[in-house]
Amino acid sequence: MSSAETPLRIVSANEVWKENEDSGKIAFSHTAIVAFRGETAYHGTTTGRNTALDKEALLKTLKPIPREHIYPQFSSHFTRAPEIHIKTPSLSLYEPDQAQQIADLLLHEAEIYEILRRHPHPNLGQSLGCVVSDDGRITGLALVKYNGLGLFERAYDPESFGEEQRNHCIERLKVAVQHLHDLGLAHNDLSPENVMFTDDGEPVLLDFDSCHPIGTKLIKGGQVGEFENGIPVAKYESSSADCDNAGIEYISAWLKRKYEERKSKNDPRKRDYEPVEESLGETCAKSSNECTEISEE
């Protein structure tokens, strides 16, 4: 629908009263109307009271308000508010025989974000709070929005995301995950798709619906790799630091492999690469947490 087809939406009709210069008495002057069409504001006036307005005639009097008359220019000495992403429940998960599953997942993630609000870390995603409906229910989470490409997309560009950046990313993820472990939590869903970047190029770990206190039996999450063919290398049954550490190890090896593959893509001497799965076998075997290795058929 074009802006011309978008209907005008009246948002306020306020009566304006002024003092009569001759009598000194306060008397009705006019009704001021404010309306919106999309993001464009409109203003108009009428001599009628707001209890008896002719809506059709009123709409014809409305004129757009220039943006510069409403919104001042941003100056660099002000603080820019973070962009917001509203995370809403995934209704595709709904099953009548598990009716509370969606609500429980959203409530759980809200609780994790509250812990992180009290114990923030620059490499962990931030919540600005819950979006609450008129009936007092949580309908979403207001999260800081990160623009640009995530880790999964950046991994395929060795020119703009080189070895130094990849190593820095892994080191910062290790520190972020250790912060969770120090709080008694584990993320349990480490994946390049859950890592975005700030404007300064710092990695930020997101998606905490699988984050639980260490030792909690997992219903969701717990898988380590594979990010491209959907086959996990290992699956952890309980929330654990072992799961996170194995996930970071996998991401690190995967990033190195993608870098080498892309750098040598057009090189006829391109060598075969050791599967990342082999590098994880020892980690999984040493894990004190219950862990199942999964092999590809």
Protein backbone atom coordinates (compact mmCIF):
# COMPACT_ATOMS: atom_id res chain seq x y z
CA MET A 1 0.00 0.00 0.00
CA SER A 2 1.45 3.40 -1.01
CA SER A 3 1.58 6.33 1.38
CA ALA A 4 -1.22 8.00 -0.58
CA GLU A 5 -3.45 4.95 0.00
CA THR A 6 -2.64 4.71 3.71
CA PRO A 7 -5.60 6.14 5.64
CA LEU A 8 -5.18 9.12 7.94
CA ARG A 9 -5.33 8.14 11.58
CA ILE A 10 -6.51 10.81 14.02
CA VAL A 11 -4.53 10.50 17.26
CA SER A 12 -5.81 13.52 19.18
CA ALA A 13 -8.52 16.20 19.14
CA ASN A 14 -7.85 18.73 21.90
CA GLU A 15 -9.99 21.74 22.71
CA VAL A 16 -7.99 24.97 23.05
CA TRP A 17 -9.31 27.63 25.45
CA LYS A 18 -8.00 31.19 25.56
CA GLU A 19 -8.50 34.29 27.63
CA ASN A 20 -10.71 36.95 26.01
CA GLU A 21 -8.69 40.17 25.80
CA ASP A 22 -11.78 42.34 26.42
CA SER A 23 -13.61 40.44 29.14
CA GLY A 24 -10.66 38.59 30.66
CA LYS A 25 -12.75 35.42 30.71
CA ILE A 26 -11.56 32.03 29.47
CA ALA A 27 -13.52 30.92 26.43
CA PHE A 28 -13.40 28.09 23.87
CA SER A 29 -11.20 29.02 20.87
CA HIS A 30 -10.87 25.96 18.61
CA THR A 31 -10.16 22.24 18.47
CA ALA A 32 -6.67 21.22 17.38
CA ILE A 33 -6.44 17.96 15.46
CA VAL A 34 -3.35 15.80 15.06
CA ALA A 35 -3.31 12.85 12.67
CA PHE A 36 -0.77 10.50 11.07
CA ARG A 37 -0.47 8.85 7.71
CA GLY A 38 2.37 6.39 8.11
CA GLU A 39 5.17 8.40 9.73
CA THR A 40 3.95 11.77 8.40
CA ALA A 41 2.19 14.01 10.94
CA TYR A 42 -0.76 16.25 10.03
CA HIS A 43 -2.34 19.18 11.84
CA GLY A 44 -5.62 21.03 11.47
CA THR A 45 -8.08 23.16 13.42
CA THR A 46 -11.83 23.55 13.56
CA THR A 47 -14.17 25.86 15.42
CA GLY A 48 -16.33 22.89 16.42
CA ARG A 49 -16.13 21.22 19.81
CA ASN A 50 -14.50 17.79 19.90
CA THR A 51 -17.82 16.22 20.88
CA ALA A 52 -19.44 17.24 17.60
CA LEU A 53 -16.81 17.00 14.88
CA ASP A 54 -17.55 16.38 11.22
CA LYS A 55 -14.80 13.87 10.53
CA GLU A 56 -15.03 13.99 6.74
CA ALA A 57 -14.91 17.79 6.64
CA LEU A 58 -12.14 17.79 9.25
CA LEU A 59 -9.84 15.52 7.24
CA LYS A 60 -9.91 18.02 4.37
CA THR A 61 -8.43 20.71 6.61
CA LEU A 62 -5.42 18.67 7.69
CA LYS A 63 -2.02 19.65 6.34
CA PRO A 64 1.33 17.84 6.77
CA ILE A 65 3.74 19.21 9.37
CA PRO A 66 7.32 19.55 8.02
CA ARG A 67 9.63 17.11 9.80
CA GLU A 68 12.05 19.90 10.75
CA HIS A 69 9.23 21.59 12.68
CA ILE A 70 8.92 18.52 14.90
CA TYR A 71 12.25 16.74 14.98
CA PRO A 72 15.53 18.60 15.66
CA GLN A 73 18.76 17.51 14.00
CA PHE A 74 20.84 15.00 16.00
CA SER A 75 24.13 16.39 17.27
CA SER A 76 27.24 14.30 17.92
CA HIS A 77 27.47 15.42 21.56
CA PHE A 78 24.16 13.68 22.34
CA THR A 79 23.91 9.98 23.19
CA ARG A 80 22.18 7.92 20.51
CA ALA A 81 19.62 5.48 21.89
CA PRO A 82 20.17 1.85 20.89
CA GLU A 83 18.05 0.47 18.10
CA ILE A 84 15.50 -2.03 19.36
CA HIS A 85 14.56 -5.49 18.17
CA ILE A 86 11.36 -6.94 19.61
CA LYS A 87 11.73 -10.69 20.04
CA THR A 88 8.30 -12.31 20.00
CA PRO A 89 7.34 -15.92 20.78
CA SER A 90 7.73 -18.50 18.00
CA LEU A 91 4.18 -19.74 17.44
CA SER A 92 5.42 -22.56 15.20
CA LEU A 93 6.40 -24.36 18.42
CA TYR A 94 2.79 -24.49 19.64
CA GLU A 95 1.41 -27.92 20.45
CA PRO A 96 -1.97 -28.28 22.21
CA ASP A 97 -0.68 -31.11 24.39
CA GLN A 98 2.20 -28.87 25.55
CA ALA A 99 0.17 -25.70 25.77
CA GLN A 100 2.50 -23.79 28.11
CA GLN A 101 5.73 -24.48 26.21
CA ILE A 102 5.86 -21.18 24.29
CA ALA A 103 4.95 -19.04 27.30
CA ASP A 104 7.45 -20.89 29.48
CA LEU A 105 10.28 -20.33 26.96
CA LEU A 106 9.57 -16.60 26.77
CA LEU A 107 9.29 -16.29 30.54
CA HIS A 108 12.54 -18.19 31.00
CA GLU A 109 14.45 -15.99 28.55
CA ALA A 110 13.05 -12.88 30.25
CA GLU A 111 14.41 -14.18 33.56
CA ILE A 112 17.87 -14.82 32.04
CA TYR A 113 17.97 -11.31 30.60
CA GLU A 114 17.08 -9.89 34.01
CA ILE A 115 20.12 -11.68 35.46
CA LEU A 116 22.27 -10.20 32.68
CA ARG A 117 20.85 -6.74 33.34
CA ARG A 118 22.16 -7.05 36.90
CA HIS A 119 25.44 -8.59 35.72
CA PRO A 120 26.08 -7.18 32.23
CA HIS A 121 28.96 -8.01 29.92
CA PRO A 122 29.91 -6.11 26.73
CA ASN A 123 29.99 -9.33 24.67
CA LEU A 124 26.58 -10.57 25.79
CA GLY A 125 23.28 -9.36 24.33
CA GLN A 126 21.28 -6.81 26.27
CA SER A 127 17.58 -6.54 27.00
CA LEU A 128 15.88 -3.21 27.57
CA GLY A 129 12.96 -4.93 29.28
CA CYS A 130 9.73 -6.77 28.62
CA VAL A 131 7.00 -5.60 26.24
CA VAL A 132 3.79 -5.85 28.29
CA SER A 133 0.23 -5.83 26.96
CA ASP A 134 -2.74 -4.07 28.57
CA ASP A 135 -3.76 -7.32 30.26
CA GLY A 136 -0.36 -7.61 31.94
CA ARG A 137 1.12 -10.34 29.76
CA ILE A 138 4.64 -10.38 28.27
CA THR A 139 4.26 -10.21 24.48
CA GLY A 140 7.93 -9.79 23.62
CA LEU A 141 11.40 -8.78 24.73
CA ALA A 142 12.90 -5.42 23.75
CA LEU A 143 16.49 -6.27 22.80
CA VAL A 144 19.33 -4.08 21.61
CA LYS A 145 19.47 -4.45 17.82
CA TYR A 146 22.75 -5.15 16.06
CA ASN A 147 22.95 -4.28 12.37
CA GLY A 148 25.22 -5.65 9.71
CA LEU A 149 26.44 -9.17 9.08
CA GLY A 150 26.61 -11.84 11.74
CA LEU A 151 29.46 -14.26 12.32
CA PHE A 152 28.03 -16.88 9.96
CA GLU A 153 28.05 -14.47 7.01
CA ARG A 154 31.41 -12.92 7.88
CA ALA A 155 33.08 -16.32 8.00
CA TYR A 156 32.80 -16.60 4.22
CA ASP A 157 34.67 -13.34 3.55
CA PRO A 158 38.40 -13.78 4.32
CA GLU A 159 39.23 -10.30 3.00
CA SER A 160 37.11 -8.23 5.37
CA PHE A 161 37.13 -10.79 8.21
CA GLY A 162 40.67 -12.08 8.42
CA GLU A 163 42.57 -14.30 10.83
CA GLU A 164 43.16 -11.53 13.36
CA GLN A 165 39.47 -10.66 13.56
CA ARG A 166 38.51 -14.31 13.82
CA ASN A 167 40.94 -14.93 16.65
CA HIS A 168 39.74 -11.80 18.46
CA CYS A 169 36.14 -12.95 18.06
CA ILE A 170 36.87 -16.34 19.61
CA GLU A 171 38.80 -14.80 22.52
CA ARG A 172 35.94 -12.43 23.31
CA LEU A 173 33.39 -15.24 23.09
CA LYS A 174 35.47 -17.25 25.57
CA VAL A 175 35.42 -14.33 28.00
CA ALA A 176 31.66 -13.81 27.53
CA VAL A 177 30.90 -17.49 28.11
CA GLN A 178 33.14 -17.57 31.18
CA HIS A 179 31.10 -14.66 32.54
CA LEU A 180 27.99 -16.81 32.18
CA HIS A 181 29.72 -19.73 33.89
CA ASP A 182 30.76 -17.47 36.77
CA LEU A 183 27.06 -16.68 37.21
CA GLY A 184 26.28 -20.40 37.34
CA LEU A 185 24.80 -20.41 33.83
CA ALA A 186 25.65 -22.04 30.51
CA HIS A 187 24.49 -20.83 27.08
CA ASN A 188 24.10 -24.30 25.50
CA ASP A 189 23.48 -23.01 21.96
CA LEU A 190 26.75 -21.59 20.68
CA SER A 191 26.53 -21.04 16.94
CA PRO A 192 27.78 -18.44 14.43
CA GLU A 193 24.13 -17.59 13.82
CA ASN A 194 23.85 -16.41 17.44
CA VAL A 195 26.78 -13.98 17.19
CA MET A 196 26.38 -10.42 15.92
CA PHE A 197 28.73 -7.44 16.07
CA THR A 198 28.68 -3.91 17.47
CA ASP A 199 29.54 -0.93 15.28
CA ASP A 200 33.07 -1.20 16.71
CA GLY A 201 33.42 -4.79 15.52
CA GLU A 202 33.02 -6.43 18.93
CA PRO A 203 31.21 -9.81 18.89
CA VAL A 204 28.01 -10.10 20.88
CA LEU A 205 26.51 -13.45 21.87
CA LEU A 206 22.70 -13.56 21.61
CA ASP A 207 19.74 -15.92 22.03
CA PHE A 208 19.36 -17.07 25.61
CA ASP A 209 16.28 -19.30 25.46
CA SER A 210 18.55 -22.35 25.90
CA CYS A 211 20.61 -20.71 28.67
CA HIS A 212 20.05 -22.46 32.02
CA PRO A 213 21.70 -22.90 35.39
CA ILE A 214 24.48 -25.48 35.10
CA GLY A 215 23.15 -28.97 35.75
CA THR A 216 19.62 -28.27 34.48
CA LYS A 217 18.20 -30.94 32.16
CA LEU A 218 17.87 -29.45 28.68
CA ILE A 219 14.69 -29.52 26.61
CA LYS A 220 16.11 -27.22 23.93
CA GLY A 221 19.73 -26.70 22.85
CA GLY A 222 22.75 -28.72 23.88
CA GLN A 223 23.93 -29.48 20.33
CA VAL A 224 27.44 -28.73 19.08
CA GLY A 225 27.73 -28.10 15.25
CA GLU A 226 27.22 -28.68 12.34
CA PHE A 227 26.18 -25.21 11.08
CA GLU A 228 25.82 -26.05 7.39
CA ASN A 229 24.36 -29.55 7.02
CA GLY A 230 22.35 -29.61 10.24
CA ILE A 231 24.08 -32.68 11.67
CA PRO A 232 25.37 -32.14 15.23
CA VAL A 233 28.73 -33.50 16.33
CA ALA A 234 27.61 -33.99 19.92
CA LYS A 235 24.56 -33.42 22.07
CA TYR A 236 24.62 -32.61 25.77
CA GLU A 237 21.62 -33.61 27.86
CA SER A 238 22.24 -31.10 30.65
CA SER A 239 23.25 -27.44 30.79
CA SER A 240 27.02 -27.38 31.21
CA ALA A 241 30.24 -25.45 30.78
CA ASP A 242 31.49 -28.49 28.83
CA CYS A 243 28.83 -27.91 26.18
CA ASP A 244 29.84 -24.25 25.81
CA ASN A 245 33.56 -25.00 25.72
CA ALA A 246 33.05 -27.66 23.05
CA GLY A 247 30.90 -25.21 21.10
CA ILE A 248 33.60 -22.53 21.15
CA GLU A 249 36.21 -25.07 20.11
CA TYR A 250 34.01 -26.11 17.21
CA ILE A 251 33.34 -22.51 16.10
CA SER A 252 37.06 -21.73 16.28
CA ALA A 253 37.98 -24.71 14.10
CA TRP A 254 35.11 -23.96 11.71
CA LEU A 255 36.20 -20.32 11.31
CA LYS A 256 39.77 -21.39 10.54
CA ARG A 257 38.58 -23.96 8.04
CA LYS A 258 36.32 -21.47 6.26
CA TYR A 259 39.15 -18.96 6.11
CA GLU A 260 41.53 -21.47 4.54
CA GLU A 261 38.90 -22.77 2.11
CA ARG A 262 37.98 -19.31 0.89
CA LYS A 263 41.54 -18.10 0.66
CA SER A 264 42.53 -21.13 -1.44
CA LYS A 265 39.29 -21.39 -3.39
CA ASN A 266 40.96 -20.68 -6.72
CA ASP A 267 44.25 -22.37 -5.86
CA PRO A 268 44.76 -25.63 -7.82
CA ARG A 269 47.07 -26.78 -5.03
CA LYS A 270 44.19 -26.60 -2.55
CA ARG A 271 44.67 -29.31 0.04
CA ASP A 272 42.14 -31.44 1.80
CA TYR A 273 41.19 -30.29 5.28
CA GLU A 274 40.86 -32.30 8.40
CA PRO A 275 37.16 -32.51 9.31
CA VAL A 276 36.30 -30.36 12.29
CA GLU A 277 34.48 -33.30 13.81
CA GLU A 278 37.81 -35.08 14.39
CA SER A 279 39.15 -32.16 16.43
CA LEU A 280 36.17 -32.39 18.79
CA GLY A 281 36.30 -36.11 19.51
CA GLU A 282 38.85 -35.79 22.28
CA THR A 283 36.99 -32.91 23.93
CA CYS A 284 33.75 -34.86 24.03
CA ALA A 285 35.49 -37.93 25.43
CA LYS A 286 37.04 -35.91 28.27
CA SER A 287 33.78 -34.19 29.19
CA SER A 288 32.52 -34.86 32.68
CA ASN A 289 29.00 -33.96 31.55
CA GLU A 290 26.84 -36.58 29.88
CA CYS A 291 27.58 -36.24 26.18
CA THR A 292 26.67 -38.27 23.12
CA GLU A 293 28.84 -38.25 20.02
CA ILE A 294 26.89 -38.37 16.78
CA SER A 295 28.41 -39.68 13.58
CA GLU A 296 27.24 -38.97 10.06
CA GLU A 297 25.84 -41.90 8.13
